[in-house]
Amino acid sequence: MFLSIDADDKIPIYRQVVDGIKALIAGGALREGMVLPSVRQVAGDLGVNLNTIAVAYRQLQDEGLVTVRHGAGAIVSATRPQGIDQSELRKLWRTTLTDMVLAGMNDREILAAAREELALLRKKGEPR
């Protein structure tokens, strides 16, 4: 599993881990039934506290994307988060679009950015 974090980012590290694992699931690199690396291994690989990764795994479990079994690890249990409907996602998207427009981006730039992000997401699903 390939994750990276940015310690200087204002997004908390646990959230970066959650978002990174979600991207790997969405991109197809992590499929239902696959076992995630242990909390200890991910923490060691990223150089962060064990509790940070444990919080991230619990968040993914709360969203229904992984099942955590003590002693057996975390297993990808779904490819769609529970409890989020399309109207909620559209509200998030609308907020992001508003921020992009306020930052001075035009329609063409916003669409190009969306295409680039989708391409990056799809690329994360490719084998390395």
Protein backbone atom coordinates (compact mmCIF):
# COMPACT_ATOMS: atom_id res chain seq x y z
CA MET A 1 0.00 0.00 0.00
CA PHE A 2 1.46 3.35 -0.99
CA LEU A 3 0.54 6.31 1.20
CA SER A 4 2.25 9.61 1.70
CA ILE A 5 1.61 12.39 4.16
CA ASP A 6 2.60 16.01 4.37
CA ALA A 7 3.48 17.00 7.93
CA ASP A 8 3.24 20.69 6.94
CA ASP A 9 -0.31 20.33 5.59
CA LYS A 10 -3.08 21.87 7.68
CA ILE A 11 -5.10 18.66 7.20
CA PRO A 12 -4.52 16.39 10.22
CA ILE A 13 -2.30 13.39 9.54
CA TYR A 14 -5.02 10.86 10.45
CA ARG A 15 -7.31 12.55 7.89
CA GLN A 16 -4.57 12.39 5.24
CA VAL A 17 -4.27 8.64 5.92
CA VAL A 18 -8.05 8.18 5.71
CA ASP A 19 -8.22 10.15 2.46
CA GLY A 20 -5.24 8.23 1.03
CA ILE A 21 -6.77 4.84 1.79
CA LYS A 22 -10.12 5.98 0.38
CA ALA A 23 -8.33 7.05 -2.81
CA LEU A 24 -6.66 3.63 -3.05
CA ILE A 25 -10.04 1.95 -2.64
CA ALA A 26 -11.70 4.27 -5.18
CA GLY A 27 -8.85 3.74 -7.62
CA GLY A 28 -9.07 -0.04 -7.31
CA ALA A 29 -5.66 -0.62 -5.73
CA LEU A 30 -7.42 -1.85 -2.58
CA ARG A 31 -10.32 -4.20 -3.17
CA GLU A 32 -12.90 -5.79 -0.94
CA GLY A 33 -11.33 -8.55 1.14
CA MET A 34 -7.79 -7.21 0.99
CA VAL A 35 -5.94 -6.89 4.30
CA LEU A 36 -4.47 -3.50 5.15
CA PRO A 37 -0.98 -3.33 6.66
CA SER A 38 -0.91 -3.35 10.45
CA VAL A 39 -1.23 -0.11 12.38
CA ARG A 40 2.35 -0.61 13.56
CA GLN A 41 3.66 -1.08 10.02
CA VAL A 42 1.87 1.97 8.58
CA ALA A 43 2.95 4.11 11.53
CA GLY A 44 6.54 2.97 11.07
CA ASP A 45 6.48 3.51 7.30
CA LEU A 46 5.08 7.02 7.67
CA GLY A 47 7.01 7.91 10.80
CA VAL A 48 3.93 8.79 12.83
CA ASN A 49 2.42 7.74 16.14
CA LEU A 50 0.58 4.41 16.32
CA ASN A 51 -2.49 6.15 17.72
CA THR A 52 -2.71 8.37 14.62
CA ILE A 53 -3.05 5.33 12.36
CA ALA A 54 -5.43 3.62 14.81
CA VAL A 55 -7.69 6.69 14.66
CA ALA A 56 -7.59 6.60 10.85
CA TYR A 57 -8.49 2.89 10.77
CA ARG A 58 -11.36 3.50 13.23
CA GLN A 59 -12.64 6.32 11.01
CA LEU A 60 -12.59 4.01 7.99
CA GLN A 61 -14.40 1.39 10.05
CA ASP A 62 -17.03 3.93 11.15
CA GLU A 63 -17.59 4.77 7.49
CA GLY A 64 -18.04 1.09 6.66
CA LEU A 65 -15.01 0.83 4.38
CA VAL A 66 -12.95 -1.53 6.54
CA THR A 67 -13.59 -4.10 9.22
CA VAL A 68 -11.09 -4.09 12.07
CA ARG A 69 -10.58 -7.40 13.85
CA HIS A 70 -8.19 -7.36 16.76
CA GLY A 71 -5.39 -9.78 16.01
CA ALA A 72 -6.45 -10.19 12.38
CA GLY A 73 -5.97 -6.60 11.25
CA ALA A 74 -8.07 -4.35 9.06
CA ILE A 75 -9.80 -5.74 5.99
CA VAL A 76 -11.38 -3.73 3.18
CA SER A 77 -15.04 -4.54 3.62
CA ALA A 78 -16.73 -2.23 1.13
CA THR A 79 -15.96 0.02 -1.75
CA ARG A 80 -18.69 2.53 -0.90
CA PRO A 81 -18.85 4.48 2.34
CA GLN A 82 -21.98 4.06 4.41
CA GLY A 83 -24.11 6.97 5.46
CA ILE A 84 -23.18 9.34 2.64
CA ASP A 85 -25.77 10.00 -0.02
CA GLN A 86 -25.38 11.86 -3.29
CA SER A 87 -27.02 15.02 -1.98
CA GLU A 88 -24.38 15.29 0.77
CA LEU A 89 -21.61 14.72 -1.76
CA ARG A 90 -23.08 17.38 -4.04
CA LYS A 91 -23.05 19.87 -1.14
CA LEU A 92 -19.36 19.15 -0.57
CA TRP A 93 -18.69 19.50 -4.29
CA ARG A 94 -20.65 22.77 -4.40
CA THR A 95 -18.52 24.18 -1.58
CA THR A 96 -15.34 23.20 -3.40
CA LEU A 97 -16.61 24.69 -6.67
CA THR A 98 -17.50 27.91 -4.87
CA ASP A 99 -13.98 28.12 -3.44
CA MET A 100 -12.50 27.50 -6.90
CA VAL A 101 -14.61 30.26 -8.47
CA LEU A 102 -13.74 32.65 -5.64
CA ALA A 103 -10.06 31.84 -6.21
CA GLY A 104 -10.48 33.14 -9.76
CA MET A 105 -10.68 29.85 -11.67
CA ASN A 106 -12.88 29.83 -14.77
CA ASP A 107 -15.07 26.94 -15.95
CA ARG A 108 -12.37 25.57 -18.25
CA GLU A 109 -9.77 25.54 -15.46
CA ILE A 110 -12.18 23.92 -13.01
CA LEU A 111 -13.10 21.18 -15.49
CA ALA A 112 -9.42 20.59 -16.30
CA ALA A 113 -8.63 20.32 -12.59
CA ALA A 114 -11.47 17.82 -12.11
CA ARG A 115 -10.18 15.71 -15.03
CA GLU A 116 -6.64 15.77 -13.62
CA GLU A 117 -7.81 14.71 -10.16
CA LEU A 118 -9.89 11.87 -11.61
CA ALA A 119 -6.91 10.72 -13.65
CA LEU A 120 -4.71 10.73 -10.52
CA LEU A 121 -7.36 8.79 -8.63
CA ARG A 122 -7.58 6.19 -11.38
CA LYS A 123 -3.78 5.96 -11.55
CA LYS A 124 -3.62 5.07 -7.83
CA GLY A 125 -5.49 1.91 -8.73
CA GLU A 126 -2.82 0.76 -11.16
CA PRO A 127 -0.35 -1.86 -9.97
CA ARG A 128 3.11 -0.54 -9.21
